[in-house]
C-alpha cells in the first residue's frame, strides 16, 4: 500500500515555479497600471474629436459640443456629455450621448473661452455645423496619478494633446 500525498521536494519545486510566475507578472501589472495614466487625456481628446466630426459632417444639421460636468470643488467628474446644439443649455437633450470618464482625473484648469475672459472653470466646447470651427477654443489641463497633460482646442477645431 503506497502513501498518497506530496513529497517535500514536490512542494518546494511547486513553490519555486509559483514564485517565478509572480516575479514575472508583477512588473507587467505595474507597467499596465502606469500605461493607463494617459488614458483620460486620450479619452478626452477622442471625445472632442467626435464632437468636431459630428459638427463637420452636419449630423442633425446642428453644432455639436462636449460638456464637462466636473465638480467645481473637487474638479473631477465620472462622465462627459456629447451633445447637439449651440450650447449645452439649449441643446436637443434627446441627442445626448453620455460617456463615462475616469473619476480619478482632476481638471486642473479648463479655459475654453476663446478670446473672452475665462473664469478657468469653463465647461463646454462647441463646434459649428459643417465647419467644425469654435469660438470656445482654449486649453484643458488634466492631472491623473501625478501626471499632467494638456488638451488644446484651436479656433479651427483642431484638437492636440501633450502628455
N, C-alpha and C. Protein backbone atom coordinates (compact mmCIF):
# COMPACT_ATOMS: atom_id res chain seq x y z
N UNK A 1 0.84 -1.16 0.00
CA UNK A 1 0.00 0.00 0.00
C UNK A 1 0.90 1.24 0.00
N UNK A 2 0.69 2.14 -0.99
CA UNK A 2 1.55 3.33 -1.07
C UNK A 2 0.86 4.52 -0.42
N UNK A 3 1.66 5.38 0.14
CA UNK A 3 1.12 6.58 0.79
C UNK A 3 0.81 7.62 -0.27
N UNK A 4 -0.29 8.29 -0.08
CA UNK A 4 -0.66 9.35 -1.03
C UNK A 4 -0.29 10.69 -0.42
N UNK A 5 0.03 11.66 -1.27
CA UNK A 5 0.38 12.99 -0.80
C UNK A 5 1.57 13.52 -1.58
N UNK A 6 2.07 14.65 -1.17
CA UNK A 6 3.18 15.30 -1.85
C UNK A 6 4.44 15.15 -1.02
N UNK A 7 5.54 15.00 -1.72
CA UNK A 7 6.81 14.97 -1.01
C UNK A 7 7.28 16.41 -0.79
N UNK A 8 8.22 16.56 0.08
CA UNK A 8 8.77 17.89 0.36
C UNK A 8 9.40 18.47 -0.90
N UNK A 9 10.04 17.66 -1.68
CA UNK A 9 10.68 18.11 -2.92
C UNK A 9 9.63 18.65 -3.90
N UNK A 10 8.52 17.96 -4.05
CA UNK A 10 7.46 18.41 -4.95
C UNK A 10 6.89 19.76 -4.49
N UNK A 11 6.72 19.93 -3.20
CA UNK A 11 6.21 21.20 -2.68
C UNK A 11 7.18 22.35 -2.94
N UNK A 12 8.47 22.11 -2.74
CA UNK A 12 9.49 23.14 -2.96
C UNK A 12 9.54 23.52 -4.43
N UNK A 13 9.49 22.54 -5.33
CA UNK A 13 9.52 22.82 -6.77
C UNK A 13 8.27 23.62 -7.16
N UNK A 14 7.11 23.24 -6.67
CA UNK A 14 5.86 23.95 -6.98
C UNK A 14 5.92 25.39 -6.49
N UNK A 15 6.41 25.60 -5.28
CA UNK A 15 6.51 26.95 -4.75
C UNK A 15 7.52 27.78 -5.54
N UNK A 16 8.58 27.16 -6.01
CA UNK A 16 9.57 27.87 -6.83
C UNK A 16 8.96 28.32 -8.15
N UNK A 17 8.20 27.45 -8.79
CA UNK A 17 7.55 27.81 -10.05
C UNK A 17 6.56 28.95 -9.82
N UNK A 18 5.79 28.87 -8.73
CA UNK A 18 4.83 29.90 -8.40
C UNK A 18 5.54 31.24 -8.15
N UNK A 19 6.67 31.23 -7.48
CA UNK A 19 7.44 32.45 -7.20
C UNK A 19 7.95 33.07 -8.50
N UNK A 20 8.41 32.26 -9.43
CA UNK A 20 8.89 32.78 -10.72
C UNK A 20 7.74 33.44 -11.48
N UNK A 21 6.58 32.82 -11.48
CA UNK A 21 5.41 33.39 -12.16
C UNK A 21 5.06 34.76 -11.57
N UNK A 22 5.08 34.87 -10.25
CA UNK A 22 4.77 36.13 -9.60
C UNK A 22 5.82 37.19 -9.93
N UNK A 23 7.10 36.80 -9.93
CA UNK A 23 8.16 37.75 -10.24
C UNK A 23 8.05 38.28 -11.67
N UNK A 24 7.54 37.47 -12.58
CA UNK A 24 7.36 37.90 -13.97
C UNK A 24 6.10 38.76 -14.11
N UNK A 25 5.03 38.41 -13.40
CA UNK A 25 3.74 39.09 -13.56
C UNK A 25 3.68 40.46 -12.90
N UNK A 26 4.29 40.64 -11.74
CA UNK A 26 4.17 41.90 -11.00
C UNK A 26 4.71 43.10 -11.80
N UNK A 27 5.90 43.05 -12.39
CA UNK A 27 6.34 44.20 -13.19
C UNK A 27 5.42 44.48 -14.38
N UNK A 28 4.87 43.46 -14.98
CA UNK A 28 3.95 43.65 -16.10
C UNK A 28 2.68 44.36 -15.65
N UNK A 29 2.15 43.99 -14.50
CA UNK A 29 0.97 44.65 -13.97
C UNK A 29 1.27 46.10 -13.62
N UNK A 30 2.45 46.36 -13.11
CA UNK A 30 2.85 47.72 -12.78
C UNK A 30 2.92 48.58 -14.04
N UNK A 31 3.48 48.04 -15.11
CA UNK A 31 3.54 48.76 -16.37
C UNK A 31 2.15 49.00 -16.93
N UNK A 32 1.27 48.03 -16.82
CA UNK A 32 -0.10 48.17 -17.30
C UNK A 32 -0.80 49.29 -16.55
N UNK A 33 -0.64 49.33 -15.26
CA UNK A 33 -1.25 50.38 -14.44
C UNK A 33 -0.69 51.75 -14.83
N UNK A 34 0.60 51.82 -15.06
CA UNK A 34 1.25 53.08 -15.42
C UNK A 34 0.82 53.54 -16.81
N UNK A 35 0.65 52.60 -17.74
CA UNK A 35 0.26 52.97 -19.10
C UNK A 35 -1.13 53.56 -19.13
N UNK A 36 -1.96 53.24 -18.18
CA UNK A 36 -3.31 53.79 -18.11
C UNK A 36 -3.27 55.27 -17.74
N UNK A 37 -2.13 55.77 -17.31
CA UNK A 37 -2.01 57.16 -16.87
C UNK A 37 -2.34 58.14 -17.98
N UNK A 38 -2.19 57.78 -19.23
CA UNK A 38 -2.51 58.68 -20.33
C UNK A 38 -3.93 58.48 -20.85
N UNK A 39 -4.63 57.51 -20.36
CA UNK A 39 -5.96 57.20 -20.87
C UNK A 39 -6.95 58.36 -20.78
N UNK A 40 -7.08 59.07 -19.65
CA UNK A 40 -8.05 60.17 -19.61
C UNK A 40 -7.73 61.27 -20.63
N UNK A 41 -6.47 61.55 -20.81
CA UNK A 41 -6.01 62.53 -21.79
C UNK A 41 -6.47 62.10 -23.19
N UNK A 42 -6.18 60.87 -23.56
CA UNK A 42 -6.58 60.35 -24.86
C UNK A 42 -8.09 60.26 -24.98
N UNK A 43 -8.75 59.86 -23.90
CA UNK A 43 -10.20 59.73 -23.91
C UNK A 43 -10.85 61.09 -24.19
N UNK A 44 -10.41 62.13 -23.50
CA UNK A 44 -10.96 63.46 -23.70
C UNK A 44 -10.69 63.94 -25.13
N UNK A 45 -9.49 63.71 -25.62
CA UNK A 45 -9.15 64.11 -26.98
C UNK A 45 -10.07 63.43 -27.98
N UNK A 46 -10.29 62.13 -27.83
CA UNK A 46 -11.16 61.40 -28.75
C UNK A 46 -12.61 61.89 -28.69
N UNK A 47 -13.08 62.23 -27.50
CA UNK A 47 -14.45 62.74 -27.37
C UNK A 47 -14.59 64.12 -28.01
N UNK A 48 -13.59 64.97 -27.84
CA UNK A 48 -13.62 66.27 -28.51
C UNK A 48 -13.59 66.10 -30.03
N UNK A 49 -12.76 65.17 -30.50
CA UNK A 49 -12.71 64.89 -31.93
C UNK A 49 -14.04 64.36 -32.46
N UNK A 50 -14.75 63.59 -31.64
CA UNK A 50 -16.08 63.10 -32.04
C UNK A 50 -17.04 64.27 -32.21
N UNK A 51 -16.99 65.24 -31.31
CA UNK A 51 -17.84 66.42 -31.43
C UNK A 51 -17.51 67.19 -32.70
N UNK A 52 -16.21 67.35 -32.99
CA UNK A 52 -15.79 68.04 -34.20
C UNK A 52 -16.29 67.30 -35.44
N UNK A 53 -16.14 65.97 -35.46
CA UNK A 53 -16.59 65.18 -36.62
C UNK A 53 -18.09 65.27 -36.82
N UNK A 54 -18.85 65.18 -35.72
CA UNK A 54 -20.31 65.29 -35.83
C UNK A 54 -20.70 66.66 -36.41
N UNK A 55 -20.07 67.72 -35.92
CA UNK A 55 -20.38 69.06 -36.41
C UNK A 55 -19.95 69.21 -37.87
N UNK A 56 -18.75 68.78 -38.17
CA UNK A 56 -18.20 68.90 -39.52
C UNK A 56 -19.04 68.13 -40.53
N UNK A 57 -19.57 66.99 -40.13
CA UNK A 57 -20.40 66.16 -41.01
C UNK A 57 -21.83 66.67 -41.09
N UNK A 58 -22.20 67.60 -40.24
CA UNK A 58 -23.55 68.14 -40.26
C UNK A 58 -24.60 67.19 -39.70
N UNK A 59 -24.20 66.32 -38.78
CA UNK A 59 -25.14 65.39 -38.17
C UNK A 59 -26.26 66.19 -37.51
N UNK A 60 -27.50 65.91 -37.86
CA UNK A 60 -28.70 66.60 -37.37
C UNK A 60 -28.70 68.08 -37.74
N UNK A 61 -27.84 68.49 -38.65
CA UNK A 61 -27.82 69.87 -39.12
C UNK A 61 -27.53 70.90 -38.04
N UNK A 62 -26.79 70.50 -37.02
CA UNK A 62 -26.54 71.45 -35.93
C UNK A 62 -25.08 71.41 -35.49
N UNK A 63 -24.76 72.37 -34.65
CA UNK A 63 -23.46 72.37 -33.99
C UNK A 63 -23.43 71.20 -33.00
N UNK A 64 -22.23 70.76 -32.64
CA UNK A 64 -22.06 69.70 -31.64
C UNK A 64 -21.03 70.17 -30.63
N UNK A 65 -21.19 69.67 -29.43
CA UNK A 65 -20.26 70.07 -28.38
C UNK A 65 -20.01 68.97 -27.38
N UNK A 66 -19.08 69.24 -26.49
CA UNK A 66 -18.76 68.32 -25.40
C UNK A 66 -18.89 69.10 -24.10
N UNK A 67 -19.71 68.59 -23.19
CA UNK A 67 -19.94 69.23 -21.90
C UNK A 67 -19.18 68.48 -20.82
N UNK A 68 -18.47 69.22 -19.99
CA UNK A 68 -17.65 68.65 -18.91
C UNK A 68 -18.30 69.00 -17.56
N UNK A 69 -19.13 68.11 -17.03
CA UNK A 69 -19.83 68.41 -15.77
C UNK A 69 -19.00 68.12 -14.52
N UNK A 70 -17.80 68.68 -14.46
CA UNK A 70 -16.93 68.40 -13.32
C UNK A 70 -17.36 69.24 -12.12
N UNK A 71 -17.10 68.71 -10.96
CA UNK A 71 -17.41 69.38 -9.70
C UNK A 71 -16.42 70.53 -9.51
N UNK A 72 -16.92 71.73 -9.24
CA UNK A 72 -16.06 72.91 -9.12
C UNK A 72 -15.10 72.84 -7.93
N UNK A 73 -15.47 72.12 -6.90
CA UNK A 73 -14.61 72.00 -5.71
C UNK A 73 -13.55 70.91 -5.91
N UNK A 74 -14.01 69.71 -6.22
CA UNK A 74 -13.10 68.56 -6.37
C UNK A 74 -12.45 68.54 -7.76
N UNK A 75 -13.08 69.19 -8.74
CA UNK A 75 -12.60 69.28 -10.12
C UNK A 75 -12.51 67.90 -10.78
N UNK A 76 -13.43 67.00 -10.42
CA UNK A 76 -13.49 65.66 -11.01
C UNK A 76 -14.89 65.41 -11.56
N UNK A 77 -15.02 64.42 -12.43
CA UNK A 77 -16.31 64.01 -12.96
C UNK A 77 -16.25 62.53 -13.27
N UNK A 78 -17.41 61.90 -13.36
CA UNK A 78 -17.44 60.49 -13.74
C UNK A 78 -18.01 60.31 -15.14
N UNK A 79 -18.38 61.43 -15.81
CA UNK A 79 -18.90 61.33 -17.16
C UNK A 79 -18.74 62.67 -17.89
N UNK A 80 -18.79 62.60 -19.21
CA UNK A 80 -18.84 63.78 -20.07
C UNK A 80 -19.95 63.55 -21.09
N UNK A 81 -20.49 64.62 -21.64
CA UNK A 81 -21.66 64.50 -22.50
C UNK A 81 -21.40 65.13 -23.85
N UNK A 82 -21.58 64.32 -24.90
CA UNK A 82 -21.54 64.79 -26.27
C UNK A 82 -22.96 65.24 -26.60
N UNK A 83 -23.14 66.48 -27.06
CA UNK A 83 -24.49 67.00 -27.29
C UNK A 83 -24.62 67.70 -28.62
N UNK A 84 -25.87 67.83 -29.07
CA UNK A 84 -26.20 68.50 -30.31
C UNK A 84 -26.88 69.83 -29.98
N UNK A 85 -26.32 70.94 -30.47
CA UNK A 85 -26.92 72.24 -30.22
C UNK A 85 -25.88 73.33 -30.11
N UNK A 86 -26.36 74.57 -30.04
CA UNK A 86 -25.46 75.72 -29.97
C UNK A 86 -24.90 75.97 -28.58
N UNK A 87 -25.47 75.33 -27.57
CA UNK A 87 -24.94 75.38 -26.21
C UNK A 87 -25.53 74.20 -25.45
N UNK A 88 -24.92 73.87 -24.33
CA UNK A 88 -25.44 72.77 -23.53
C UNK A 88 -26.82 73.12 -22.99
N UNK A 89 -27.02 74.38 -22.64
CA UNK A 89 -28.30 74.81 -22.06
C UNK A 89 -29.45 74.72 -23.08
N UNK A 90 -29.15 74.96 -24.36
CA UNK A 90 -30.21 74.97 -25.38
C UNK A 90 -30.15 73.74 -26.29
N UNK A 91 -29.47 72.71 -25.88
CA UNK A 91 -29.24 71.52 -26.70
C UNK A 91 -30.52 70.73 -26.92
N UNK A 92 -30.46 69.79 -27.85
CA UNK A 92 -31.52 68.80 -28.04
C UNK A 92 -31.13 67.61 -27.15
N UNK A 93 -31.71 67.54 -25.96
CA UNK A 93 -31.32 66.53 -24.98
C UNK A 93 -31.55 65.10 -25.47
N UNK A 94 -32.42 64.91 -26.44
CA UNK A 94 -32.66 63.56 -26.96
C UNK A 94 -31.45 63.03 -27.73
N UNK A 95 -30.55 63.91 -28.11
CA UNK A 95 -29.35 63.51 -28.85
C UNK A 95 -28.13 63.33 -27.95
N UNK A 96 -28.27 63.58 -26.64
CA UNK A 96 -27.14 63.45 -25.72
C UNK A 96 -26.55 62.05 -25.73
N UNK A 97 -25.24 62.00 -25.73
CA UNK A 97 -24.52 60.73 -25.59
C UNK A 97 -23.58 60.91 -24.39
N UNK A 98 -23.81 60.13 -23.34
CA UNK A 98 -23.01 60.25 -22.13
C UNK A 98 -21.92 59.19 -22.12
N UNK A 99 -20.71 59.62 -21.85
CA UNK A 99 -19.56 58.72 -21.79
C UNK A 99 -19.00 58.73 -20.37
N UNK A 100 -18.66 57.57 -19.87
CA UNK A 100 -18.04 57.52 -18.54
C UNK A 100 -16.62 58.06 -18.65
N UNK A 101 -16.15 58.62 -17.54
CA UNK A 101 -14.83 59.23 -17.50
C UNK A 101 -14.17 58.83 -16.20
N UNK A 102 -12.87 58.64 -16.22
CA UNK A 102 -12.15 58.21 -15.02
C UNK A 102 -12.24 59.28 -13.94
N UNK A 103 -12.94 58.97 -12.86
CA UNK A 103 -13.18 59.96 -11.82
C UNK A 103 -11.94 60.30 -10.99
N UNK A 104 -10.82 59.62 -11.24
CA UNK A 104 -9.56 59.97 -10.58
C UNK A 104 -8.84 61.10 -11.31
N UNK A 105 -9.39 61.52 -12.45
CA UNK A 105 -8.80 62.59 -13.23
C UNK A 105 -9.23 63.93 -12.65
N UNK A 106 -8.28 64.83 -12.48
CA UNK A 106 -8.58 66.17 -11.97
C UNK A 106 -8.46 67.16 -13.13
N UNK A 107 -9.50 67.95 -13.34
CA UNK A 107 -9.47 69.02 -14.33
C UNK A 107 -8.78 70.21 -13.67
N UNK A 108 -7.46 70.22 -13.74
CA UNK A 108 -6.65 71.23 -13.06
C UNK A 108 -7.02 72.63 -13.52
N UNK A 109 -7.18 72.79 -14.84
CA UNK A 109 -7.56 74.09 -15.40
C UNK A 109 -8.36 73.84 -16.66
N UNK A 110 -9.46 74.57 -16.80
CA UNK A 110 -10.27 74.48 -18.02
C UNK A 110 -10.55 75.89 -18.50
N UNK A 111 -9.89 76.28 -19.59
CA UNK A 111 -10.08 77.60 -20.19
C UNK A 111 -10.51 77.40 -21.64
N UNK A 112 -11.82 77.37 -21.85
CA UNK A 112 -12.38 77.23 -23.19
C UNK A 112 -13.21 78.47 -23.51
N UNK A 113 -12.60 79.63 -23.36
CA UNK A 113 -13.33 80.87 -23.53
C UNK A 113 -13.02 81.58 -24.84
N UNK A 114 -12.11 81.02 -25.63
CA UNK A 114 -11.72 81.71 -26.86
C UNK A 114 -11.05 83.02 -26.52
N UNK A 115 -11.55 84.12 -27.12
CA UNK A 115 -10.97 85.44 -26.87
C UNK A 115 -11.58 86.14 -25.66
N UNK A 116 -12.67 85.57 -25.13
CA UNK A 116 -13.35 86.20 -23.98
C UNK A 116 -12.61 85.86 -22.69
N UNK A 117 -12.82 86.65 -21.65
CA UNK A 117 -12.21 86.31 -20.35
C UNK A 117 -12.75 84.98 -19.83
N UNK A 118 -11.93 84.25 -19.12
CA UNK A 118 -12.33 82.95 -18.58
C UNK A 118 -12.21 82.94 -17.07
N UNK A 119 -13.12 82.20 -16.45
CA UNK A 119 -13.02 82.02 -15.00
C UNK A 119 -12.12 80.83 -14.67
N UNK A 120 -11.69 80.12 -15.72
CA UNK A 120 -10.89 78.92 -15.51
C UNK A 120 -11.74 77.72 -15.16
N UNK A 121 -13.06 77.88 -15.25
CA UNK A 121 -14.00 76.80 -14.95
C UNK A 121 -14.97 76.57 -16.10
N UNK A 122 -14.52 76.80 -17.32
CA UNK A 122 -15.39 76.61 -18.48
C UNK A 122 -15.78 75.14 -18.57
N UNK A 123 -16.95 74.88 -19.14
CA UNK A 123 -17.46 73.52 -19.11
C UNK A 123 -17.81 72.94 -20.47
N UNK A 124 -17.78 73.72 -21.54
CA UNK A 124 -18.19 73.17 -22.82
C UNK A 124 -17.35 73.69 -23.96
N UNK A 125 -17.22 72.82 -24.96
CA UNK A 125 -16.58 73.18 -26.22
C UNK A 125 -17.62 72.89 -27.29
N UNK A 126 -17.92 73.89 -28.12
CA UNK A 126 -18.97 73.75 -29.13
C UNK A 126 -18.36 74.01 -30.50
N UNK A 127 -18.69 73.14 -31.46
CA UNK A 127 -18.13 73.22 -32.80
C UNK A 127 -19.24 73.47 -33.81
N UNK A 128 -19.03 74.44 -34.70
CA UNK A 128 -20.04 74.87 -35.66
C UNK A 128 -20.34 73.78 -36.68
N UNK A 129 -21.62 73.73 -37.07
CA UNK A 129 -22.05 72.77 -38.09
C UNK A 129 -21.31 73.05 -39.40
N UNK A 130 -20.89 71.99 -40.05
CA UNK A 130 -20.22 71.96 -41.35
C UNK A 130 -18.78 72.46 -41.35
N UNK A 131 -18.41 73.41 -40.49
CA UNK A 131 -17.02 73.87 -40.48
C UNK A 131 -16.20 73.22 -39.38
N UNK A 132 -16.82 72.91 -38.26
CA UNK A 132 -16.11 72.35 -37.12
C UNK A 132 -15.33 73.38 -36.34
N UNK A 133 -15.45 74.65 -36.72
CA UNK A 133 -14.75 75.73 -36.03
C UNK A 133 -15.43 76.01 -34.69
N UNK A 134 -14.70 76.69 -33.81
CA UNK A 134 -15.27 77.01 -32.49
C UNK A 134 -14.84 78.40 -32.02
N UNK A 135 -15.74 79.06 -31.30
CA UNK A 135 -15.39 80.31 -30.62
C UNK A 135 -14.87 80.00 -29.22
N UNK A 136 -15.05 78.75 -28.78
CA UNK A 136 -14.67 78.35 -27.42
C UNK A 136 -13.38 77.54 -27.45
N UNK A 137 -12.35 78.14 -28.00
CA UNK A 137 -11.04 77.48 -28.05
C UNK A 137 -10.33 77.68 -26.73
N UNK A 138 -9.29 76.93 -26.52
CA UNK A 138 -8.50 77.09 -25.31
C UNK A 138 -7.80 75.82 -24.89
N UNK A 139 -7.54 75.71 -23.59
CA UNK A 139 -6.71 74.64 -23.06
C UNK A 139 -7.38 73.98 -21.87
N UNK A 140 -7.29 72.65 -21.82
CA UNK A 140 -7.74 71.87 -20.66
C UNK A 140 -6.51 71.17 -20.10
N UNK A 141 -6.23 71.39 -18.84
CA UNK A 141 -5.10 70.72 -18.19
C UNK A 141 -5.66 69.65 -17.25
N UNK A 142 -5.21 68.41 -17.47
CA UNK A 142 -5.66 67.27 -16.68
C UNK A 142 -4.52 66.75 -15.82
N UNK A 143 -4.85 66.30 -14.62
CA UNK A 143 -3.87 65.62 -13.78
C UNK A 143 -4.43 64.26 -13.42
N UNK A 144 -3.63 63.23 -13.69
CA UNK A 144 -4.04 61.86 -13.40
C UNK A 144 -2.86 61.10 -12.84
N UNK A 145 -2.98 60.67 -11.59
CA UNK A 145 -1.92 59.92 -10.90
C UNK A 145 -0.59 60.65 -10.95
N UNK A 146 -0.64 61.96 -10.75
CA UNK A 146 0.58 62.76 -10.71
C UNK A 146 1.09 63.20 -12.07
N UNK A 147 0.54 62.67 -13.15
CA UNK A 147 0.96 63.08 -14.50
C UNK A 147 0.06 64.19 -15.00
N UNK A 148 0.66 65.22 -15.55
CA UNK A 148 -0.09 66.36 -16.07
C UNK A 148 -0.08 66.30 -17.60
N UNK A 149 -1.24 66.49 -18.20
CA UNK A 149 -1.33 66.53 -19.66
C UNK A 149 -2.23 67.68 -20.07
N UNK A 150 -2.04 68.14 -21.29
CA UNK A 150 -2.77 69.29 -21.79
C UNK A 150 -3.47 68.93 -23.09
N UNK A 151 -4.75 69.30 -23.18
CA UNK A 151 -5.53 69.14 -24.41
C UNK A 151 -5.84 70.55 -24.90
N UNK A 152 -5.46 70.84 -26.14
CA UNK A 152 -5.67 72.16 -26.71
C UNK A 152 -6.72 72.10 -27.81
N UNK A 153 -7.67 73.04 -27.76
CA UNK A 153 -8.72 73.16 -28.78
C UNK A 153 -8.44 74.45 -29.54
N UNK A 154 -8.16 74.33 -30.84
CA UNK A 154 -7.87 75.52 -31.63
C UNK A 154 -9.17 76.12 -32.17
N UNK A 155 -9.16 77.40 -32.57
CA UNK A 155 -10.36 78.02 -33.12
C UNK A 155 -10.90 77.31 -34.38
N UNK A 156 -10.01 76.65 -35.11
CA UNK A 156 -10.45 75.95 -36.32
C UNK A 156 -10.97 74.54 -36.01
N UNK A 157 -10.93 74.13 -34.74
CA UNK A 157 -11.45 72.82 -34.35
C UNK A 157 -10.42 71.72 -34.29
N UNK A 158 -9.15 72.07 -34.40
CA UNK A 158 -8.10 71.06 -34.27
C UNK A 158 -7.88 70.78 -32.78
N UNK A 159 -7.71 69.50 -32.46
CA UNK A 159 -7.51 69.07 -31.08
C UNK A 159 -6.11 68.47 -30.98
N UNK A 160 -5.29 68.99 -30.08
CA UNK A 160 -3.96 68.43 -29.87
C UNK A 160 -3.77 68.09 -28.41
N UNK A 161 -2.88 67.14 -28.17
CA UNK A 161 -2.60 66.67 -26.82
C UNK A 161 -1.11 66.67 -26.57
N UNK A 162 -0.73 67.12 -25.39
CA UNK A 162 0.66 66.97 -24.96
C UNK A 162 0.67 66.30 -23.60
N UNK A 163 1.45 65.23 -23.50
CA UNK A 163 1.49 64.49 -22.22
C UNK A 163 2.18 65.28 -21.12
